[in-house]
Amino acid sequence: MEHIVTVQDAVTAFADFVEPTAAELDAIERELPLITAEVELLDVQITTLDRPVTQLDARRIRRARRKVLAARRALTNRAAAVEVGA
């Protein structure tokens, strides 16, 4: 019979390093509009999986895609402005 040994000490030994750093949290906050837009696009696409796409659904998908593209453009422009200013 084999004994099951817990590995809690090995797992929790690095618990202090699991938390995100301030820089990582700032990066997430900067990318949050893009993340939100991508989630909204995914939600719209999921709602159309089990039924035929209507004209209203197509408009919602196009609007969500445009929102994702606008958020990507804004994030890219912000990053480029930071690089030029640096």
C-alpha atoms as a PDB file:
ATOM      1  CA  MET A   1       0.000   0.000   0.000  1.00  0.00           C
ATOM      2  CA  GLU A   2       1.383   3.392  -0.990  1.00  0.00           C
ATOM      3  CA  HIS A   3       0.867   6.418   1.191  1.00  0.00           C
ATOM      4  CA  ILE A   4      -0.246   9.664  -0.353  1.00  0.00           C
ATOM      5  CA  VAL A   5       1.970  12.475   0.819  1.00  0.00           C
ATOM      6  CA  THR A   6       0.713  16.020   0.722  1.00  0.00           C
ATOM      7  CA  VAL A   7       2.740  18.551  -1.154  1.00  0.00           C
ATOM      8  CA  GLN A   8       1.247  21.545   0.610  1.00  0.00           C
ATOM      9  CA  ASP A   9       4.646  22.708   1.880  1.00  0.00           C
ATOM     10  CA  ALA A  10       6.075  22.637  -1.632  1.00  0.00           C
ATOM     11  CA  VAL A  11       3.077  24.446  -3.088  1.00  0.00           C
ATOM     12  CA  THR A  12       2.733  27.106  -0.412  1.00  0.00           C
ATOM     13  CA  ALA A  13       6.461  27.727  -0.150  1.00  0.00           C
ATOM     14  CA  PHE A  14       6.161  30.223  -3.008  1.00  0.00           C
ATOM     15  CA  ALA A  15       2.862  31.776  -1.923  1.00  0.00           C
ATOM     16  CA  ASP A  16       4.471  35.208  -1.505  1.00  0.00           C
ATOM     17  CA  PHE A  17       5.521  35.190  -5.164  1.00  0.00           C
ATOM     18  CA  VAL A  18       2.111  34.218  -6.528  1.00  0.00           C
ATOM     19  CA  GLU A  19       0.609  37.698  -6.189  1.00  0.00           C
ATOM     20  CA  PRO A  20       0.953  39.979  -9.219  1.00  0.00           C
ATOM     21  CA  THR A  21       3.384  42.840  -8.966  1.00  0.00           C
ATOM     22  CA  ALA A  22       2.342  46.479  -9.198  1.00  0.00           C
ATOM     23  CA  ALA A  23       3.732  46.654 -12.744  1.00  0.00           C
ATOM     24  CA  GLU A  24       1.683  43.626 -13.788  1.00  0.00           C
ATOM     25  CA  LEU A  25      -1.463  45.127 -12.274  1.00  0.00           C
ATOM     26  CA  ASP A  26      -0.796  48.401 -14.119  1.00  0.00           C
ATOM     27  CA  ALA A  27      -0.388  46.515 -17.401  1.00  0.00           C
ATOM     28  CA  ILE A  28      -3.667  44.687 -16.823  1.00  0.00           C
ATOM     29  CA  GLU A  29      -5.407  47.962 -16.045  1.00  0.00           C
ATOM     30  CA  ARG A  30      -4.059  49.531 -19.250  1.00  0.00           C
ATOM     31  CA  GLU A  31      -5.312  46.552 -21.273  1.00  0.00           C
ATOM     32  CA  LEU A  32      -8.679  46.338 -19.502  1.00  0.00           C
ATOM     33  CA  PRO A  33     -10.684  48.175 -22.231  1.00  0.00           C
ATOM     34  CA  LEU A  34      -9.382  45.690 -24.810  1.00  0.00           C
ATOM     35  CA  ILE A  35     -10.073  42.724 -22.545  1.00  0.00           C
ATOM     36  CA  THR A  36     -13.609  43.971 -21.915  1.00  0.00           C
ATOM     37  CA  ALA A  37     -14.250  44.515 -25.634  1.00  0.00           C
ATOM     38  CA  GLU A  38     -12.984  41.027 -26.463  1.00  0.00           C
ATOM     39  CA  VAL A  39     -15.231  39.496 -23.789  1.00  0.00           C
ATOM     40  CA  GLU A  40     -18.224  41.382 -25.205  1.00  0.00           C
ATOM     41  CA  LEU A  41     -17.405  40.097 -28.707  1.00  0.00           C
ATOM     42  CA  LEU A  42     -17.151  36.573 -27.369  1.00  0.00           C
ATOM     43  CA  ASP A  43     -20.511  36.944 -25.602  1.00  0.00           C
ATOM     44  CA  VAL A  44     -22.170  38.075 -28.822  1.00  0.00           C
ATOM     45  CA  GLN A  45     -20.612  35.214 -30.770  1.00  0.00           C
ATOM     46  CA  ILE A  46     -21.708  32.681 -28.151  1.00  0.00           C
ATOM     47  CA  THR A  47     -25.309  33.887 -28.290  1.00  0.00           C
ATOM     48  CA  THR A  48     -25.409  33.164 -32.032  1.00  0.00           C
ATOM     49  CA  LEU A  49     -24.036  29.625 -31.813  1.00  0.00           C
ATOM     50  CA  ASP A  50     -27.330  27.809 -31.383  1.00  0.00           C
ATOM     51  CA  ARG A  51     -29.524  29.756 -33.791  1.00  0.00           C
ATOM     52  CA  PRO A  52     -29.399  31.343 -37.211  1.00  0.00           C
ATOM     53  CA  VAL A  53     -27.806  34.773 -37.285  1.00  0.00           C
ATOM     54  CA  THR A  54     -30.360  37.532 -37.757  1.00  0.00           C
ATOM     55  CA  GLN A  55     -29.658  41.013 -39.084  1.00  0.00           C
ATOM     56  CA  LEU A  56     -29.688  42.320 -35.520  1.00  0.00           C
ATOM     57  CA  ASP A  57     -27.144  39.660 -34.486  1.00  0.00           C
ATOM     58  CA  ALA A  58     -24.937  40.574 -37.439  1.00  0.00           C
ATOM     59  CA  ARG A  59     -25.054  44.229 -36.383  1.00  0.00           C
ATOM     60  CA  ARG A  60     -24.157  43.300 -32.822  1.00  0.00           C
ATOM     61  CA  ILE A  61     -21.198  41.230 -34.033  1.00  0.00           C
ATOM     62  CA  ARG A  62     -19.976  44.041 -36.304  1.00  0.00           C
ATOM     63  CA  ARG A  63     -20.336  46.579 -33.482  1.00  0.00           C
ATOM     64  CA  ALA A  64     -18.436  44.334 -31.069  1.00  0.00           C
ATOM     65  CA  ARG A  65     -15.662  43.747 -33.646  1.00  0.00           C
ATOM     66  CA  ARG A  66     -15.341  47.495 -34.244  1.00  0.00           C
ATOM     67  CA  LYS A  67     -15.112  48.041 -30.491  1.00  0.00           C
ATOM     68  CA  VAL A  68     -12.289  45.466 -30.258  1.00  0.00           C
ATOM     69  CA  LEU A  69     -10.439  47.091 -33.145  1.00  0.00           C
ATOM     70  CA  ALA A  70     -10.843  50.545 -31.598  1.00  0.00           C
ATOM     71  CA  ALA A  71      -9.547  49.296 -28.248  1.00  0.00           C
ATOM     72  CA  ARG A  72      -6.555  47.625 -29.941  1.00  0.00           C
ATOM     73  CA  ARG A  73      -5.813  50.805 -31.877  1.00  0.00           C
ATOM     74  CA  ALA A  74      -5.997  52.933 -28.734  1.00  0.00           C
ATOM     75  CA  LEU A  75      -3.738  50.539 -26.826  1.00  0.00           C
ATOM     76  CA  THR A  76      -1.217  50.428 -29.682  1.00  0.00           C
ATOM     77  CA  ASN A  77      -1.225  54.210 -30.072  1.00  0.00           C
ATOM     78  CA  ARG A  78      -0.726  54.639 -26.333  1.00  0.00           C
ATOM     79  CA  ALA A  79       2.208  52.207 -26.368  1.00  0.00           C
ATOM     80  CA  ALA A  80       3.736  53.960 -29.381  1.00  0.00           C
ATOM     81  CA  ALA A  81       3.365  57.348 -27.700  1.00  0.00           C
ATOM     82  CA  VAL A  82       5.140  56.030 -24.609  1.00  0.00           C
ATOM     83  CA  GLU A  83       8.007  54.650 -26.730  1.00  0.00           C
ATOM     84  CA  VAL A  84       8.401  57.901 -28.667  1.00  0.00           C
ATOM     85  CA  GLY A  85       8.293  59.939 -25.477  1.00  0.00           C
ATOM     86  CA  ALA A  86      10.879  57.726 -23.786  1.00  0.00           C
END
